[in-house]
Amino acid sequence: MKLEEIISSLRLNVLTGANFLDRSVSGGYISDMLSDVLANANEGNIWITLQTHLNIVSVASIKKISAILIPSGRKLDDDSLKKAEEEKIVVLNSEEKGFQLAGKLYKLGVGKNNE
């Protein structure tokens, strides 16, 4: 599934990386522990996290994450947004809680082939 389909279906806000919405999403990962994401997330995942600091951009870049999804209306600071643009990282956000977003992503089919 492509990011643009997910964004449209879930009415997500695109904070950075608007030129990269044609990326494929291979699955999803939810964690606020950066070491956990580094150890266990897969390339092409959409990553749900409450973290909003600069280090999430680095982790997403290293793991080749398709997008970072920030729930609960949280946003990144200007330095983090700038770094995400430089690293070509798609950052999305939503007013919805992470649990609801995860359920909706699963219902769309994200991750069902990776069980």
N, C-alpha and C. Protein backbone atom coordinates (compact mmCIF):
# COMPACT_ATOMS: atom_id res chain seq x y z
N MET A 1 0.84 -1.17 0.00
CA MET A 1 0.00 0.00 0.00
C MET A 1 0.89 1.24 0.00
N LYS A 2 0.46 2.25 -0.68
CA LYS A 2 1.22 3.50 -0.77
C LYS A 2 0.82 4.46 0.36
N LEU A 3 1.79 5.27 0.75
CA LEU A 3 1.54 6.27 1.80
C LEU A 3 0.37 7.17 1.44
N GLU A 4 0.30 7.60 0.18
CA GLU A 4 -0.75 8.54 -0.21
C GLU A 4 -2.14 7.94 0.01
N GLU A 5 -2.29 6.62 -0.15
CA GLU A 5 -3.57 5.96 0.11
C GLU A 5 -3.91 5.99 1.60
N ILE A 6 -2.91 5.73 2.42
CA ILE A 6 -3.09 5.74 3.86
C ILE A 6 -3.45 7.15 4.33
N ILE A 7 -2.72 8.14 3.85
CA ILE A 7 -2.95 9.53 4.23
C ILE A 7 -4.37 9.95 3.88
N SER A 8 -4.81 9.59 2.71
CA SER A 8 -6.16 9.94 2.27
C SER A 8 -7.22 9.21 3.10
N SER A 9 -7.03 7.93 3.30
CA SER A 9 -8.02 7.12 4.04
C SER A 9 -8.16 7.56 5.49
N LEU A 10 -7.04 7.89 6.12
CA LEU A 10 -7.05 8.24 7.54
C LEU A 10 -7.05 9.75 7.79
N ARG A 11 -7.05 10.52 6.72
CA ARG A 11 -7.04 11.99 6.80
C ARG A 11 -5.90 12.49 7.70
N LEU A 12 -4.71 12.04 7.37
CA LEU A 12 -3.52 12.42 8.13
C LEU A 12 -2.96 13.73 7.61
N ASN A 13 -2.26 14.44 8.47
CA ASN A 13 -1.59 15.68 8.09
C ASN A 13 -0.15 15.36 7.70
N VAL A 14 0.29 15.91 6.59
CA VAL A 14 1.67 15.73 6.13
C VAL A 14 2.48 16.91 6.65
N LEU A 15 3.46 16.63 7.52
CA LEU A 15 4.30 17.67 8.09
C LEU A 15 5.58 17.85 7.29
N THR A 16 6.13 16.75 6.77
CA THR A 16 7.33 16.81 5.94
C THR A 16 7.26 15.70 4.90
N GLY A 17 8.06 15.86 3.85
CA GLY A 17 8.21 14.80 2.85
C GLY A 17 7.08 14.68 1.86
N ALA A 18 6.41 15.78 1.56
CA ALA A 18 5.26 15.74 0.65
C ALA A 18 5.62 15.20 -0.74
N ASN A 19 6.89 15.24 -1.10
CA ASN A 19 7.32 14.73 -2.41
C ASN A 19 7.57 13.23 -2.43
N PHE A 20 7.37 12.57 -1.29
CA PHE A 20 7.70 11.15 -1.18
C PHE A 20 6.51 10.29 -0.78
N LEU A 21 5.33 10.74 -1.09
CA LEU A 21 4.12 10.03 -0.66
C LEU A 21 3.80 8.82 -1.52
N ASP A 22 4.61 8.57 -2.54
CA ASP A 22 4.42 7.39 -3.37
C ASP A 22 5.16 6.18 -2.81
N ARG A 23 5.75 6.33 -1.64
CA ARG A 23 6.47 5.21 -1.01
C ARG A 23 5.50 4.11 -0.61
N SER A 24 5.97 2.89 -0.71
CA SER A 24 5.19 1.74 -0.27
C SER A 24 5.38 1.53 1.22
N VAL A 25 4.33 1.06 1.84
CA VAL A 25 4.36 0.73 3.26
C VAL A 25 4.24 -0.79 3.38
N SER A 26 5.25 -1.41 3.99
CA SER A 26 5.30 -2.87 4.09
C SER A 26 4.70 -3.40 5.38
N GLY A 27 4.50 -2.53 6.35
CA GLY A 27 3.97 -2.95 7.64
C GLY A 27 4.00 -1.77 8.59
N GLY A 28 3.73 -2.05 9.84
CA GLY A 28 3.74 -0.99 10.83
C GLY A 28 4.51 -1.38 12.07
N TYR A 29 4.93 -0.37 12.81
CA TYR A 29 5.63 -0.60 14.07
C TYR A 29 5.24 0.51 15.04
N ILE A 30 5.00 0.13 16.29
CA ILE A 30 4.65 1.10 17.32
C ILE A 30 5.62 0.96 18.47
N SER A 31 6.32 2.04 18.77
CA SER A 31 7.22 2.06 19.92
C SER A 31 7.68 3.48 20.17
N ASP A 32 7.92 3.77 21.43
CA ASP A 32 8.52 5.05 21.81
C ASP A 32 9.97 4.87 22.24
N MET A 33 10.44 3.64 22.23
CA MET A 33 11.84 3.38 22.59
C MET A 33 12.67 3.29 21.31
N LEU A 34 13.57 4.22 21.15
CA LEU A 34 14.37 4.27 19.92
C LEU A 34 15.19 3.01 19.74
N SER A 35 15.74 2.46 20.81
CA SER A 35 16.54 1.24 20.71
C SER A 35 15.68 0.07 20.23
N ASP A 36 14.43 0.03 20.64
CA ASP A 36 13.50 -1.01 20.19
C ASP A 36 13.23 -0.88 18.70
N VAL A 37 13.01 0.34 18.24
CA VAL A 37 12.76 0.56 16.81
C VAL A 37 13.99 0.17 15.99
N LEU A 38 15.17 0.56 16.48
CA LEU A 38 16.41 0.19 15.78
C LEU A 38 16.57 -1.32 15.69
N ALA A 39 16.18 -2.02 16.73
CA ALA A 39 16.36 -3.47 16.77
C ALA A 39 15.27 -4.23 16.01
N ASN A 40 14.06 -3.68 15.93
CA ASN A 40 12.94 -4.50 15.48
C ASN A 40 12.10 -3.98 14.33
N ALA A 41 12.11 -2.70 14.05
CA ALA A 41 11.32 -2.18 12.93
C ALA A 41 11.95 -2.62 11.62
N ASN A 42 11.13 -2.71 10.60
CA ASN A 42 11.62 -3.13 9.29
C ASN A 42 11.57 -1.98 8.29
N GLU A 43 12.43 -2.08 7.31
CA GLU A 43 12.42 -1.12 6.21
C GLU A 43 11.01 -1.07 5.62
N GLY A 44 10.54 0.12 5.34
CA GLY A 44 9.22 0.29 4.73
C GLY A 44 8.07 0.37 5.71
N ASN A 45 8.35 0.22 7.00
CA ASN A 45 7.28 0.33 8.01
C ASN A 45 6.81 1.77 8.14
N ILE A 46 5.57 1.92 8.59
CA ILE A 46 5.10 3.20 9.09
C ILE A 46 5.22 3.08 10.61
N TRP A 47 5.88 4.03 11.22
CA TRP A 47 6.23 3.98 12.64
C TRP A 47 5.37 4.97 13.41
N ILE A 48 4.60 4.46 14.36
CA ILE A 48 3.79 5.31 15.24
C ILE A 48 4.57 5.53 16.53
N THR A 49 4.78 6.79 16.87
CA THR A 49 5.48 7.14 18.10
C THR A 49 4.99 8.47 18.64
N LEU A 50 5.00 8.60 19.96
CA LEU A 50 4.69 9.87 20.61
C LEU A 50 5.91 10.78 20.68
N GLN A 51 7.08 10.22 20.42
CA GLN A 51 8.31 11.00 20.48
C GLN A 51 8.28 12.08 19.39
N THR A 52 8.81 13.25 19.73
CA THR A 52 8.79 14.36 18.76
C THR A 52 10.13 15.07 18.66
N HIS A 53 11.18 14.42 19.09
CA HIS A 53 12.50 15.07 19.09
C HIS A 53 13.32 14.66 17.87
N LEU A 54 14.42 15.29 17.71
CA LEU A 54 15.30 15.12 16.55
C LEU A 54 15.76 13.68 16.33
N ASN A 55 15.94 12.92 17.39
CA ASN A 55 16.48 11.56 17.26
C ASN A 55 15.57 10.62 16.49
N ILE A 56 14.26 10.87 16.46
CA ILE A 56 13.39 9.98 15.69
C ILE A 56 13.67 10.07 14.20
N VAL A 57 14.11 11.22 13.76
CA VAL A 57 14.45 11.40 12.35
C VAL A 57 15.66 10.54 12.00
N SER A 58 16.65 10.52 12.87
CA SER A 58 17.84 9.71 12.64
C SER A 58 17.50 8.23 12.60
N VAL A 59 16.67 7.79 13.53
CA VAL A 59 16.27 6.37 13.58
C VAL A 59 15.50 6.00 12.31
N ALA A 60 14.58 6.84 11.90
CA ALA A 60 13.80 6.57 10.69
C ALA A 60 14.70 6.49 9.46
N SER A 61 15.71 7.34 9.42
CA SER A 61 16.64 7.33 8.30
C SER A 61 17.47 6.05 8.28
N ILE A 62 17.99 5.67 9.43
CA ILE A 62 18.80 4.45 9.53
C ILE A 62 17.99 3.21 9.13
N LYS A 63 16.76 3.13 9.61
CA LYS A 63 15.92 1.95 9.36
C LYS A 63 15.16 2.01 8.03
N LYS A 64 15.27 3.12 7.31
CA LYS A 64 14.56 3.31 6.04
C LYS A 64 13.05 3.13 6.24
N ILE A 65 12.55 3.82 7.26
CA ILE A 65 11.12 3.82 7.58
C ILE A 65 10.39 4.62 6.50
N SER A 66 9.23 4.14 6.06
CA SER A 66 8.46 4.87 5.04
C SER A 66 7.90 6.17 5.56
N ALA A 67 7.47 6.17 6.83
CA ALA A 67 6.93 7.39 7.43
C ALA A 67 6.87 7.25 8.94
N ILE A 68 6.99 8.39 9.60
CA ILE A 68 6.76 8.48 11.03
C ILE A 68 5.36 9.08 11.20
N LEU A 69 4.55 8.45 12.04
CA LEU A 69 3.20 8.94 12.32
C LEU A 69 3.12 9.33 13.79
N ILE A 70 2.86 10.60 14.03
CA ILE A 70 2.78 11.15 15.38
C ILE A 70 1.30 11.31 15.75
N PRO A 71 0.82 10.57 16.77
CA PRO A 71 -0.58 10.68 17.16
C PRO A 71 -0.85 11.81 18.14
N SER A 72 -2.09 11.93 18.53
CA SER A 72 -2.55 12.82 19.60
C SER A 72 -2.27 14.30 19.35
N GLY A 73 -2.19 14.69 18.09
CA GLY A 73 -2.01 16.09 17.73
C GLY A 73 -0.63 16.65 18.00
N ARG A 74 0.31 15.81 18.36
CA ARG A 74 1.67 16.29 18.63
C ARG A 74 2.37 16.68 17.33
N LYS A 75 3.32 17.59 17.45
CA LYS A 75 4.08 18.06 16.29
C LYS A 75 5.56 18.12 16.63
N LEU A 76 6.38 18.10 15.61
CA LEU A 76 7.81 18.22 15.80
C LEU A 76 8.20 19.69 15.88
N ASP A 77 9.31 19.96 16.58
CA ASP A 77 9.83 21.33 16.62
C ASP A 77 10.45 21.66 15.27
N ASP A 78 10.74 22.93 15.07
CA ASP A 78 11.24 23.39 13.77
C ASP A 78 12.55 22.72 13.35
N ASP A 79 13.47 22.51 14.29
CA ASP A 79 14.74 21.84 13.96
C ASP A 79 14.51 20.41 13.48
N SER A 80 13.60 19.73 14.14
CA SER A 80 13.31 18.34 13.74
C SER A 80 12.62 18.30 12.38
N LEU A 81 11.71 19.23 12.12
CA LEU A 81 11.05 19.29 10.82
C LEU A 81 12.06 19.56 9.71
N LYS A 82 12.97 20.48 9.98
CA LYS A 82 14.01 20.81 8.99
C LYS A 82 14.88 19.59 8.70
N LYS A 83 15.29 18.89 9.74
CA LYS A 83 16.13 17.70 9.57
C LYS A 83 15.37 16.60 8.82
N ALA A 84 14.09 16.43 9.12
CA ALA A 84 13.28 15.43 8.41
C ALA A 84 13.21 15.75 6.92
N GLU A 85 13.04 17.01 6.58
CA GLU A 85 13.02 17.40 5.16
C GLU A 85 14.37 17.09 4.51
N GLU A 86 15.45 17.44 5.19
CA GLU A 86 16.79 17.17 4.66
C GLU A 86 17.03 15.68 4.44
N GLU A 87 16.53 14.86 5.36
CA GLU A 87 16.74 13.41 5.30
C GLU A 87 15.68 12.70 4.44
N LYS A 88 14.75 13.47 3.89
CA LYS A 88 13.66 12.93 3.05
C LYS A 88 12.78 11.94 3.82
N ILE A 89 12.50 12.31 5.07
CA ILE A 89 11.65 11.50 5.93
C ILE A 89 10.24 12.09 5.92
N VAL A 90 9.27 11.24 5.65
CA VAL A 90 7.88 11.67 5.70
C VAL A 90 7.44 11.63 7.16
N VAL A 91 6.95 12.76 7.64
CA VAL A 91 6.40 12.85 9.00
C VAL A 91 4.94 13.25 8.88
N LEU A 92 4.09 12.45 9.51
CA LEU A 92 2.65 12.66 9.50
C LEU A 92 2.17 12.86 10.92
N ASN A 93 1.03 13.50 11.07
CA ASN A 93 0.43 13.52 12.39
C ASN A 93 -1.09 13.45 12.27
N SER A 94 -1.70 13.19 13.43
CA SER A 94 -3.15 13.05 13.51
C SER A 94 -3.59 13.44 14.91
N GLU A 95 -4.81 13.89 15.03
CA GLU A 95 -5.39 14.18 16.34
C GLU A 95 -5.77 12.89 17.06
N GLU A 96 -5.90 11.80 16.32
CA GLU A 96 -6.32 10.53 16.93
C GLU A 96 -5.21 9.93 17.78
N LYS A 97 -5.60 9.09 18.71
CA LYS A 97 -4.67 8.37 19.57
C LYS A 97 -3.98 7.26 18.78
N GLY A 98 -2.80 6.87 19.22
CA GLY A 98 -2.03 5.84 18.55
C GLY A 98 -2.75 4.52 18.42
N PHE A 99 -3.49 4.13 19.45
CA PHE A 99 -4.22 2.87 19.44
C PHE A 99 -5.26 2.85 18.30
N GLN A 100 -6.00 3.93 18.17
CA GLN A 100 -6.99 4.01 17.10
C GLN A 100 -6.33 3.99 15.73
N LEU A 101 -5.22 4.71 15.60
CA LEU A 101 -4.52 4.74 14.31
C LEU A 101 -3.98 3.36 13.94
N ALA A 102 -3.45 2.65 14.92
CA ALA A 102 -2.93 1.30 14.66
C ALA A 102 -4.05 0.39 14.17
N GLY A 103 -5.20 0.46 14.82
CA GLY A 103 -6.34 -0.35 14.41
C GLY A 103 -6.80 -0.02 13.00
N LYS A 104 -6.85 1.26 12.69
CA LYS A 104 -7.27 1.68 11.35
C LYS A 104 -6.26 1.25 10.29
N LEU A 105 -4.98 1.35 10.61
CA LEU A 105 -3.95 0.90 9.66
C LEU A 105 -4.10 -0.59 9.40
N TYR A 106 -4.32 -1.35 10.45
CA TYR A 106 -4.49 -2.80 10.30
C TYR A 106 -5.73 -3.11 9.46
N LYS A 107 -6.79 -2.37 9.72
CA LYS A 107 -8.02 -2.57 8.96
C LYS A 107 -7.82 -2.27 7.47
N LEU A 108 -6.93 -1.31 7.17
CA LEU A 108 -6.61 -1.00 5.77
C LEU A 108 -5.76 -2.09 5.12
N GLY A 109 -5.19 -2.97 5.94
CA GLY A 109 -4.38 -4.06 5.40
C GLY A 109 -2.89 -3.90 5.68
N VAL A 110 -2.49 -2.84 6.37
CA VAL A 110 -1.07 -2.63 6.68
C VAL A 110 -0.64 -3.67 7.71
N GLY A 111 0.34 -4.47 7.35
CA GLY A 111 0.90 -5.45 8.26
C GLY A 111 0.26 -6.82 8.23
N LYS A 112 -0.87 -6.98 7.58
CA LYS A 112 -1.55 -8.27 7.59
C LYS A 112 -0.74 -9.36 6.91
N ASN A 113 0.08 -9.00 5.96
CA ASN A 113 0.90 -10.00 5.26
C ASN A 113 2.20 -10.29 5.98
N ASN A 114 2.47 -9.58 7.07
CA ASN A 114 3.73 -9.73 7.79
C ASN A 114 3.56 -10.43 9.13
N GLU A 115 2.46 -11.11 9.34
CA GLU A 115 2.21 -11.74 10.64
C GLU A 115 3.04 -13.00 10.79
